Amino acid sequence: MDRTTRLWDDPRLALRKSPRTATRLAVVIVNFCQWRNTARLVRQLRHADSIRGGEADIVLVDNGSPTHPLAAKLEKCRGVRLLRNRRNLGFAKAVNR
């Protein structure tokens, strides 16, 4: 038996079952001055079963865009959380916020 096979059989490395029945998922979208495209994407994602069923959320990170009327509408959508950065932090910092 090689080392790889033994690792799979090691009970200390076995995945433990979570007390929750459903896995939570967050879809993170980083936006910078593309409110119309972002609103279209959010609209499409909200039709997904996991979003409608409450098993997933949409986290919209605005990376310092100017104020736009669509931002207020998106913020009011169920299952959507809007986080605003004061300035453009770049994609990597925004998505990991």
PDB file of N, CA and C in Angstrom:
ATOM      1  N   MET A   1       0.856  -1.173   0.000  1.00  0.00           N
ATOM      2  CA  MET A   1       0.000   0.000   0.000  1.00  0.00           C
ATOM      3  C   MET A   1       0.904   1.239   0.000  1.00  0.00           C
ATOM      4  N   ASP A   2       0.695   2.134  -0.985  1.00  0.00           N
ATOM      5  CA  ASP A   2       1.529   3.330  -1.039  1.00  0.00           C
ATOM      6  C   ASP A   2       0.977   4.416  -0.109  1.00  0.00           C
ATOM      7  N   ARG A   3       1.742   5.474   0.055  1.00  0.00           N
ATOM      8  CA  ARG A   3       1.393   6.535   0.998  1.00  0.00           C
ATOM      9  C   ARG A   3       0.073   7.219   0.622  1.00  0.00           C
ATOM     10  N   THR A   4      -0.194   7.416  -0.652  1.00  0.00           N
ATOM     11  CA  THR A   4      -1.424   8.075  -1.088  1.00  0.00           C
ATOM     12  C   THR A   4      -2.657   7.287  -0.661  1.00  0.00           C
ATOM     13  N   THR A   5      -2.625   6.006  -0.827  1.00  0.00           N
ATOM     14  CA  THR A   5      -3.754   5.178  -0.434  1.00  0.00           C
ATOM     15  C   THR A   5      -3.969   5.246   1.072  1.00  0.00           C
ATOM     16  N   ARG A   6      -2.895   5.235   1.817  1.00  0.00           N
ATOM     17  CA  ARG A   6      -3.018   5.299   3.266  1.00  0.00           C
ATOM     18  C   ARG A   6      -3.624   6.626   3.719  1.00  0.00           C
ATOM     19  N   LEU A   7      -3.301   7.736   3.051  1.00  0.00           N
ATOM     20  CA  LEU A   7      -3.875   9.025   3.416  1.00  0.00           C
ATOM     21  C   LEU A   7      -5.394   9.013   3.253  1.00  0.00           C
ATOM     22  N   TRP A   8      -5.864   8.365   2.207  1.00  0.00           N
ATOM     23  CA  TRP A   8      -7.316   8.319   1.987  1.00  0.00           C
ATOM     24  C   TRP A   8      -8.026   7.516   3.066  1.00  0.00           C
ATOM     25  N   ASP A   9      -7.344   6.517   3.590  1.00  0.00           N
ATOM     26  CA  ASP A   9      -7.956   5.660   4.594  1.00  0.00           C
ATOM     27  C   ASP A   9      -7.804   6.187   6.022  1.00  0.00           C
ATOM     28  N   ASP A  10      -7.033   7.241   6.195  1.00  0.00           N
ATOM     29  CA  ASP A  10      -6.782   7.778   7.528  1.00  0.00           C
ATOM     30  C   ASP A  10      -8.056   8.424   8.084  1.00  0.00           C
ATOM     31  N   PRO A  11      -8.614   7.915   9.181  1.00  0.00           N
ATOM     32  CA  PRO A  11      -9.857   8.470   9.727  1.00  0.00           C
ATOM     33  C   PRO A  11      -9.708   9.903  10.226  1.00  0.00           C
ATOM     34  N   ARG A  12      -8.488  10.314  10.561  1.00  0.00           N
ATOM     35  CA  ARG A  12      -8.289  11.701  11.007  1.00  0.00           C
ATOM     36  C   ARG A  12      -8.507  12.694   9.874  1.00  0.00           C
ATOM     37  N   LEU A  13      -8.377  12.244   8.628  1.00  0.00           N
ATOM     38  CA  LEU A  13      -8.533  13.131   7.474  1.00  0.00           C
ATOM     39  C   LEU A  13      -9.917  13.033   6.851  1.00  0.00           C
ATOM     40  N   ALA A  14     -10.773  12.236   7.428  1.00  0.00           N
ATOM     41  CA  ALA A  14     -12.122  12.075   6.865  1.00  0.00           C
ATOM     42  C   ALA A  14     -12.904  13.367   7.005  1.00  0.00           C
ATOM     43  N   LEU A  15     -13.713  13.664   6.000  1.00  0.00           N
ATOM     44  CA  LEU A  15     -14.550  14.858   6.044  1.00  0.00           C
ATOM     45  C   LEU A  15     -15.661  14.669   7.059  1.00  0.00           C
ATOM     46  N   ARG A  16     -15.844  15.650   7.882  1.00  0.00           N
ATOM     47  CA  ARG A  16     -16.923  15.590   8.862  1.00  0.00           C
ATOM     48  C   ARG A  16     -18.168  16.198   8.257  1.00  0.00           C
ATOM     49  N   LYS A  17     -19.292  15.603   8.539  1.00  0.00           N
ATOM     50  CA  LYS A  17     -20.547  16.129   8.028  1.00  0.00           C
ATOM     51  C   LYS A  17     -20.949  17.358   8.824  1.00  0.00           C
ATOM     52  N   SER A  18     -21.373  18.354   8.113  1.00  0.00           N
ATOM     53  CA  SER A  18     -21.809  19.597   8.733  1.00  0.00           C
ATOM     54  C   SER A  18     -23.212  19.411   9.293  1.00  0.00           C
ATOM     55  N   PRO A  19     -23.548  20.078  10.398  1.00  0.00           N
ATOM     56  CA  PRO A  19     -24.905  19.969  10.927  1.00  0.00           C
ATOM     57  C   PRO A  19     -25.933  20.620  10.004  1.00  0.00           C
ATOM     58  N   ARG A  20     -25.486  21.503   9.103  1.00  0.00           N
ATOM     59  CA  ARG A  20     -26.395  22.128   8.153  1.00  0.00           C
ATOM     60  C   ARG A  20     -26.691  21.144   7.031  1.00  0.00           C
ATOM     61  N   THR A  21     -27.876  21.199   6.496  1.00  0.00           N
ATOM     62  CA  THR A  21     -28.238  20.284   5.429  1.00  0.00           C
ATOM     63  C   THR A  21     -27.846  20.810   4.057  1.00  0.00           C
ATOM     64  N   ALA A  22     -27.741  22.119   3.901  1.00  0.00           N
ATOM     65  CA  ALA A  22     -27.418  22.693   2.604  1.00  0.00           C
ATOM     66  C   ALA A  22     -26.095  23.451   2.677  1.00  0.00           C
ATOM     67  N   THR A  23     -25.351  23.388   1.613  1.00  0.00           N
ATOM     68  CA  THR A  23     -24.115  24.118   1.513  1.00  0.00           C
ATOM     69  C   THR A  23     -24.418  25.554   1.115  1.00  0.00           C
ATOM     70  N   ARG A  24     -23.859  26.523   1.815  1.00  0.00           N
ATOM     71  CA  ARG A  24     -24.061  27.926   1.481  1.00  0.00           C
ATOM     72  C   ARG A  24     -23.050  28.336   0.415  1.00  0.00           C
ATOM     73  N   LEU A  25     -23.515  29.130  -0.510  1.00  0.00           N
ATOM     74  CA  LEU A  25     -22.687  29.597  -1.609  1.00  0.00           C
ATOM     75  C   LEU A  25     -22.850  31.097  -1.735  1.00  0.00           C
ATOM     76  N   ALA A  26     -21.779  31.797  -1.948  1.00  0.00           N
ATOM     77  CA  ALA A  26     -21.833  33.229  -2.216  1.00  0.00           C
ATOM     78  C   ALA A  26     -21.237  33.477  -3.595  1.00  0.00           C
ATOM     79  N   VAL A  27     -22.022  34.080  -4.460  1.00  0.00           N
ATOM     80  CA  VAL A  27     -21.545  34.472  -5.780  1.00  0.00           C
ATOM     81  C   VAL A  27     -21.064  35.907  -5.628  1.00  0.00           C
ATOM     82  N   VAL A  28     -19.762  36.122  -5.778  1.00  0.00           N
ATOM     83  CA  VAL A  28     -19.184  37.452  -5.589  1.00  0.00           C
ATOM     84  C   VAL A  28     -18.967  38.090  -6.956  1.00  0.00           C
ATOM     85  N   ILE A  29     -19.548  39.266  -7.138  1.00  0.00           N
ATOM     86  CA  ILE A  29     -19.424  40.011  -8.388  1.00  0.00           C
ATOM     87  C   ILE A  29     -18.740  41.329  -8.064  1.00  0.00           C
ATOM     88  N   VAL A  30     -17.658  41.618  -8.764  1.00  0.00           N
ATOM     89  CA  VAL A  30     -16.966  42.894  -8.595  1.00  0.00           C
ATOM     90  C   VAL A  30     -17.385  43.808  -9.733  1.00  0.00           C
ATOM     91  N   ASN A  31     -17.853  44.999  -9.379  1.00  0.00           N
ATOM     92  CA  ASN A  31     -18.345  45.957 -10.360  1.00  0.00           C
ATOM     93  C   ASN A  31     -17.511  47.231 -10.311  1.00  0.00           C
ATOM     94  N   PHE A  32     -17.233  47.777 -11.494  1.00  0.00           N
ATOM     95  CA  PHE A  32     -16.648  49.111 -11.597  1.00  0.00           C
ATOM     96  C   PHE A  32     -17.232  49.789 -12.829  1.00  0.00           C
ATOM     97  N   CYS A  33     -18.167  50.689 -12.601  1.00  0.00           N
ATOM     98  CA  CYS A  33     -18.792  51.510 -13.650  1.00  0.00           C
ATOM     99  C   CYS A  33     -19.502  50.680 -14.722  1.00  0.00           C
ATOM    100  N   GLN A  34     -20.005  49.524 -14.367  1.00  0.00           N
ATOM    101  CA  GLN A  34     -20.726  48.672 -15.322  1.00  0.00           C
ATOM    102  C   GLN A  34     -22.078  48.266 -14.743  1.00  0.00           C
ATOM    103  N   TRP A  35     -22.837  49.228 -14.229  1.00  0.00           N
ATOM    104  CA  TRP A  35     -24.080  48.924 -13.528  1.00  0.00           C
ATOM    105  C   TRP A  35     -25.090  48.217 -14.399  1.00  0.00           C
ATOM    106  N   ARG A  36     -25.207  48.591 -15.647  1.00  0.00           N
ATOM    107  CA  ARG A  36     -26.204  47.954 -16.518  1.00  0.00           C
ATOM    108  C   ARG A  36     -25.877  46.478 -16.736  1.00  0.00           C
ATOM    109  N   ASN A  37     -24.617  46.183 -17.027  1.00  0.00           N
ATOM    110  CA  ASN A  37     -24.212  44.785 -17.214  1.00  0.00           C
ATOM    111  C   ASN A  37     -24.321  43.997 -15.913  1.00  0.00           C
ATOM    112  N   THR A  38     -23.948  44.623 -14.813  1.00  0.00           N
ATOM    113  CA  THR A  38     -24.037  43.961 -13.515  1.00  0.00           C
ATOM    114  C   THR A  38     -25.482  43.659 -13.151  1.00  0.00           C
ATOM    115  N   ALA A  39     -26.384  44.603 -13.418  1.00  0.00           N
ATOM    116  CA  ALA A  39     -27.808  44.380 -13.132  1.00  0.00           C
ATOM    117  C   ALA A  39     -28.353  43.228 -13.972  1.00  0.00           C
ATOM    118  N   ARG A  40     -27.912  43.132 -15.210  1.00  0.00           N
ATOM    119  CA  ARG A  40     -28.348  42.027 -16.079  1.00  0.00           C
ATOM    120  C   ARG A  40     -27.851  40.692 -15.521  1.00  0.00           C
ATOM    121  N   LEU A  41     -26.606  40.646 -15.067  1.00  0.00           N
ATOM    122  CA  LEU A  41     -26.059  39.419 -14.489  1.00  0.00           C
ATOM    123  C   LEU A  41     -26.805  39.027 -13.219  1.00  0.00           C
ATOM    124  N   VAL A  42     -27.075  39.992 -12.351  1.00  0.00           N
ATOM    125  CA  VAL A  42     -27.803  39.709 -11.111  1.00  0.00           C
ATOM    126  C   VAL A  42     -29.197  39.191 -11.431  1.00  0.00           C
ATOM    127  N   ARG A  43     -29.852  39.801 -12.397  1.00  0.00           N
ATOM    128  CA  ARG A  43     -31.192  39.346 -12.795  1.00  0.00           C
ATOM    129  C   ARG A  43     -31.153  37.884 -13.250  1.00  0.00           C
ATOM    130  N   GLN A  44     -30.152  37.521 -14.043  1.00  0.00           N
ATOM    131  CA  GLN A  44     -30.031  36.138 -14.510  1.00  0.00           C
ATOM    132  C   GLN A  44     -29.709  35.183 -13.367  1.00  0.00           C
ATOM    133  N   LEU A  45     -28.828  35.591 -12.478  1.00  0.00           N
ATOM    134  CA  LEU A  45     -28.471  34.727 -11.345  1.00  0.00           C
ATOM    135  C   LEU A  45     -29.646  34.494 -10.409  1.00  0.00           C
ATOM    136  N   ARG A  46     -30.515  35.483 -10.258  1.00  0.00           N
ATOM    137  CA  ARG A  46     -31.645  35.339  -9.347  1.00  0.00           C
ATOM    138  C   ARG A  46     -32.640  34.285  -9.821  1.00  0.00           C
ATOM    139  N   HIS A  47     -32.537  33.842 -11.065  1.00  0.00           N
ATOM    140  CA  HIS A  47     -33.397  32.774 -11.571  1.00  0.00           C
ATOM    141  C   HIS A  47     -32.856  31.379 -11.223  1.00  0.00           C
ATOM    142  N   ALA A  48     -31.633  31.317 -10.735  1.00  0.00           N
ATOM    143  CA  ALA A  48     -31.032  30.027 -10.377  1.00  0.00           C
ATOM    144  C   ALA A  48     -31.759  29.441  -9.171  1.00  0.00           C
ATOM    145  N   ASP A  49     -31.919  28.138  -9.173  1.00  0.00           N
ATOM    146  CA  ASP A  49     -32.620  27.455  -8.079  1.00  0.00           C
ATOM    147  C   ASP A  49     -31.974  27.715  -6.726  1.00  0.00           C
ATOM    148  N   SER A  50     -30.646  27.726  -6.676  1.00  0.00           N
ATOM    149  CA  SER A  50     -29.969  27.911  -5.390  1.00  0.00           C
ATOM    150  C   SER A  50     -30.188  29.314  -4.830  1.00  0.00           C
ATOM    151  N   ILE A  51     -30.299  30.298  -5.689  1.00  0.00           N
ATOM    152  CA  ILE A  51     -30.556  31.664  -5.225  1.00  0.00           C
ATOM    153  C   ILE A  51     -32.003  31.774  -4.762  1.00  0.00           C
ATOM    154  N   ARG A  52     -32.918  31.275  -5.576  1.00  0.00           N
ATOM    155  CA  ARG A  52     -34.342  31.343  -5.214  1.00  0.00           C
ATOM    156  C   ARG A  52     -34.640  30.535  -3.966  1.00  0.00           C
ATOM    157  N   GLY A  53     -33.931  29.441  -3.767  1.00  0.00           N
ATOM    158  CA  GLY A  53     -34.155  28.592  -2.607  1.00  0.00           C
ATOM    159  C   GLY A  53     -33.465  29.087  -1.346  1.00  0.00           C
ATOM    160  N   GLY A  54     -32.701  30.161  -1.448  1.00  0.00           N
ATOM    161  CA  GLY A  54     -32.021  30.697  -0.282  1.00  0.00           C
ATOM    162  C   GLY A  54     -30.751  29.962   0.095  1.00  0.00           C
ATOM    163  N   GLU A  55     -30.258  29.097  -0.776  1.00  0.00           N
ATOM    164  CA  GLU A  55     -29.038  28.349  -0.497  1.00  0.00           C
ATOM    165  C   GLU A  55     -27.794  29.115  -0.918  1.00  0.00           C
ATOM    166  N   ALA A  56     -27.980  30.188  -1.669  1.00  0.00           N
ATOM    167  CA  ALA A  56     -26.853  30.993  -2.148  1.00  0.00           C
ATOM    168  C   ALA A  56     -27.237  32.466  -2.105  1.00  0.00           C
ATOM    169  N   ASP A  57     -26.233  33.290  -1.954  1.00  0.00           N
ATOM    170  CA  ASP A  57     -26.417  34.734  -1.943  1.00  0.00           C
ATOM    171  C   ASP A  57     -25.556  35.359  -3.025  1.00  0.00           C
ATOM    172  N   ILE A  58     -25.938  36.545  -3.431  1.00  0.00           N
ATOM    173  CA  ILE A  58     -25.144  37.316  -4.375  1.00  0.00           C
ATOM    174  C   ILE A  58     -24.524  38.467  -3.594  1.00  0.00           C
ATOM    175  N   VAL A  59     -23.205  38.539  -3.633  1.00  0.00           N
ATOM    176  CA  VAL A  59     -22.488  39.621  -2.985  1.00  0.00           C
ATOM    177  C   VAL A  59     -21.912  40.492  -4.088  1.00  0.00           C
ATOM    178  N   LEU A  60     -22.388  41.699  -4.159  1.00  0.00           N
ATOM    179  CA  LEU A  60     -21.972  42.640  -5.191  1.00  0.00           C
ATOM    180  C   LEU A  60     -21.022  43.642  -4.561  1.00  0.00           C
ATOM    181  N   VAL A  61     -19.783  43.652  -5.034  1.00  0.00           N
ATOM    182  CA  VAL A  61     -18.766  44.563  -4.504  1.00  0.00           C
ATOM    183  C   VAL A  61     -18.553  45.665  -5.529  1.00  0.00           C
ATOM    184  N   ASP A  62     -18.912  46.889  -5.156  1.00  0.00           N
ATOM    185  CA  ASP A  62     -18.688  48.025  -6.035  1.00  0.00           C
ATOM    186  C   ASP A  62     -17.318  48.600  -5.732  1.00  0.00           C
ATOM    187  N   ASN A  63     -16.509  48.713  -6.766  1.00  0.00           N
ATOM    188  CA  ASN A  63     -15.116  49.097  -6.602  1.00  0.00           C
ATOM    189  C   ASN A  63     -14.905  50.589  -6.859  1.00  0.00           C
ATOM    190  N   GLY A  64     -15.695  51.432  -6.184  1.00  0.00           N
ATOM    191  CA  GLY A  64     -15.497  52.870  -6.273  1.00  0.00           C
ATOM    192  C   GLY A  64     -16.181  53.536  -7.446  1.00  0.00           C
ATOM    193  N   SER A  65     -17.257  52.957  -7.955  1.00  0.00           N
ATOM    194  CA  SER A  65     -17.994  53.565  -9.068  1.00  0.00           C
ATOM    195  C   SER A  65     -18.758  54.791  -8.593  1.00  0.00           C
ATOM    196  N   PRO A  66     -19.037  55.734  -9.514  1.00  0.00           N
ATOM    197  CA  PRO A  66     -19.914  56.845  -9.158  1.00  0.00           C
ATOM    198  C   PRO A  66     -21.318  56.329  -8.842  1.00  0.00           C
ATOM    199  N   THR A  67     -22.062  57.110  -8.086  1.00  0.00           N
ATOM    200  CA  THR A  67     -23.426  56.721  -7.726  1.00  0.00           C
ATOM    201  C   THR A  67     -24.263  56.534  -8.984  1.00  0.00           C
ATOM    202  N   HIS A  68     -25.096  55.492  -8.970  1.00  0.00           N
ATOM    203  CA  HIS A  68     -25.953  55.165 -10.116  1.00  0.00           C
ATOM    204  C   HIS A  68     -27.289  54.680  -9.577  1.00  0.00           C
ATOM    205  N   PRO A  69     -28.414  55.009 -10.248  1.00  0.00           N
ATOM    206  CA  PRO A  69     -29.725  54.578  -9.754  1.00  0.00           C
ATOM    207  C   PRO A  69     -29.889  53.055  -9.675  1.00  0.00           C
ATOM    208  N   LEU A  70     -29.213  52.311 -10.533  1.00  0.00           N
ATOM    209  CA  LEU A  70     -29.337  50.849 -10.494  1.00  0.00           C
ATOM    210  C   LEU A  70     -28.750  50.265  -9.215  1.00  0.00           C
ATOM    211  N   ALA A  71     -27.783  50.948  -8.621  1.00  0.00           N
ATOM    212  CA  ALA A  71     -27.180  50.448  -7.387  1.00  0.00           C
ATOM    213  C   ALA A  71     -28.223  50.355  -6.279  1.00  0.00           C
ATOM    214  N   ALA A  72     -29.053  51.366  -6.164  1.00  0.00           N
ATOM    215  CA  ALA A  72     -30.098  51.353  -5.129  1.00  0.00           C
ATOM    216  C   ALA A  72     -31.111  50.251  -5.385  1.00  0.00           C
ATOM    217  N   LYS A  73     -31.448  50.026  -6.650  1.00  0.00           N
ATOM    218  CA  LYS A  73     -32.398  48.958  -6.988  1.00  0.00           C
ATOM    219  C   LYS A  73     -31.819  47.586  -6.670  1.00  0.00           C
ATOM    220  N   LEU A  74     -30.546  47.391  -7.000  1.00  0.00           N
ATOM    221  CA  LEU A  74     -29.910  46.095  -6.738  1.00  0.00           C
ATOM    222  C   LEU A  74     -29.802  45.823  -5.248  1.00  0.00           C
ATOM    223  N   GLU A  75     -29.552  46.871  -4.485  1.00  0.00           N
ATOM    224  CA  GLU A  75     -29.403  46.719  -3.040  1.00  0.00           C
ATOM    225  C   GLU A  75     -30.700  46.261  -2.378  1.00  0.00           C
ATOM    226  N   LYS A  76     -31.832  46.586  -2.980  1.00  0.00           N
ATOM    227  CA  LYS A  76     -33.134  46.213  -2.422  1.00  0.00           C
ATOM    228  C   LYS A  76     -33.571  44.803  -2.797  1.00  0.00           C
ATOM    229  N   CYS A  77     -32.860  44.174  -3.735  1.00  0.00           N
ATOM    230  CA  CYS A  77     -33.230  42.825  -4.180  1.00  0.00           C
ATOM    231  C   CYS A  77     -32.949  41.817  -3.075  1.00  0.00           C
ATOM    232  N   ARG A  78     -33.875  40.900  -2.883  1.00  0.00           N
ATOM    233  CA  ARG A  78     -33.686  39.840  -1.895  1.00  0.00           C
ATOM    234  C   ARG A  78     -32.536  38.931  -2.323  1.00  0.00           C
ATOM    235  N   GLY A  79     -31.674  38.604  -1.395  1.00  0.00           N
ATOM    236  CA  GLY A  79     -30.558  37.718  -1.687  1.00  0.00           C
ATOM    237  C   GLY A  79     -29.343  38.428  -2.248  1.00  0.00           C
ATOM    238  N   VAL A  80     -29.397  39.775  -2.344  1.00  0.00           N
ATOM    239  CA  VAL A  80     -28.275  40.547  -2.865  1.00  0.00           C
ATOM    240  C   VAL A  80     -27.751  41.458  -1.763  1.00  0.00           C
ATOM    241  N   ARG A  81     -26.453  41.412  -1.549  1.00  0.00           N
ATOM    242  CA  ARG A  81     -25.813  42.293  -0.582  1.00  0.00           C
ATOM    243  C   ARG A  81     -24.816  43.165  -1.332  1.00  0.00           C
ATOM    244  N   LEU A  82     -24.897  44.460  -1.162  1.00  0.00           N
ATOM    245  CA  LEU A  82     -24.016  45.396  -1.851  1.00  0.00           C
ATOM    246  C   LEU A  82     -22.982  45.947  -0.882  1.00  0.00           C
ATOM    247  N   LEU A  83     -21.723  45.773  -1.229  1.00  0.00           N
ATOM    248  CA  LEU A  83     -20.608  46.327  -0.464  1.00  0.00           C
ATOM    249  C   LEU A  83     -19.938  47.379  -1.333  1.00  0.00           C
ATOM    250  N   ARG A  84     -19.719  48.550  -0.779  1.00  0.00           N
ATOM    251  CA  ARG A  84     -19.121  49.642  -1.560  1.00  0.00           C
ATOM    252  C   ARG A  84     -17.733  49.989  -1.042  1.00  0.00           C
ATOM    253  N   ASN A  85     -16.797  50.059  -1.971  1.00  0.00           N
ATOM    254  CA  ASN A  85     -15.458  50.556  -1.660  1.00  0.00           C
ATOM    255  C   ASN A  85     -15.415  52.035  -2.033  1.00  0.00           C
ATOM    256  N   ARG A  86     -14.689  52.828  -1.264  1.00  0.00           N
ATOM    257  CA  ARG A  86     -14.588  54.261  -1.564  1.00  0.00           C
ATOM    258  C   ARG A  86     -13.781  54.524  -2.824  1.00  0.00           C
ATOM    259  N   ARG A  87     -12.860  53.611  -3.129  1.00  0.00           N
ATOM    260  CA  ARG A  87     -12.032  53.767  -4.331  1.00  0.00           C
ATOM    261  C   ARG A  87     -11.816  52.396  -4.953  1.00  0.00           C
ATOM    262  N   ASN A  88     -11.284  52.394  -6.149  1.00  0.00           N
ATOM    263  CA  ASN A  88     -11.024  51.154  -6.867  1.00  0.00           C
ATOM    264  C   ASN A  88      -9.809  50.470  -6.236  1.00  0.00           C
ATOM    265  N   LEU A  89     -10.052  49.323  -5.613  1.00  0.00           N
ATOM    266  CA  LEU A  89      -8.983  48.581  -4.945  1.00  0.00           C
ATOM    267  C   LEU A  89      -8.354  47.528  -5.843  1.00  0.00           C
ATOM    268  N   GLY A  90      -8.903  47.354  -7.033  1.00  0.00           N
ATOM    269  CA  GLY A  90      -8.457  46.274  -7.898  1.00  0.00           C
ATOM    270  C   GLY A  90      -9.297  45.035  -7.632  1.00  0.00           C
ATOM    271  N   PHE A  91      -9.313  44.125  -8.592  1.00  0.00           N
ATOM    272  CA  PHE A  91     -10.177  42.954  -8.504  1.00  0.00           C
ATOM    273  C   PHE A  91      -9.824  42.069  -7.311  1.00  0.00           C
ATOM    274  N   ALA A  92      -8.546  41.753  -7.144  1.00  0.00           N
ATOM    275  CA  ALA A  92      -8.157  40.791  -6.103  1.00  0.00           C
ATOM    276  C   ALA A  92      -8.544  41.268  -4.709  1.00  0.00           C
ATOM    277  N   LYS A  93      -8.302  42.514  -4.387  1.00  0.00           N
ATOM    278  CA  LYS A  93      -8.664  43.023  -3.070  1.00  0.00           C
ATOM    279  C   LYS A  93     -10.183  43.110  -2.912  1.00  0.00           C
ATOM    280  N   ALA A  94     -10.856  43.509  -3.974  1.00  0.00           N
ATOM    281  CA  ALA A  94     -12.312  43.650  -3.900  1.00  0.00           C
ATOM    282  C   ALA A  94     -13.002  42.303  -3.704  1.00  0.00           C
ATOM    283  N   VAL A  95     -12.566  41.287  -4.418  1.00  0.00           N
ATOM    284  CA  VAL A  95     -13.222  39.980  -4.344  1.00  0.00           C
ATOM    285  C   VAL A  95     -12.927  39.280  -3.018  1.00  0.00           C
ATOM    286  N   ASN A  96     -11.843  39.624  -2.372  1.00  0.00           N
ATOM    287  CA  ASN A  96     -11.467  38.998  -1.100  1.00  0.00           C
ATOM    288  C   ASN A  96     -11.829  39.835   0.119  1.00  0.00           C
ATOM    289  N   ARG A  97     -12.562  40.881  -0.086  1.00  0.00           N
ATOM    290  CA  ARG A  97     -12.925  41.779   1.009  1.00  0.00           C
ATOM    291  C   ARG A  97     -13.774  41.093   2.042  1.00  0.00           C
TER     292      ARG A  97
END
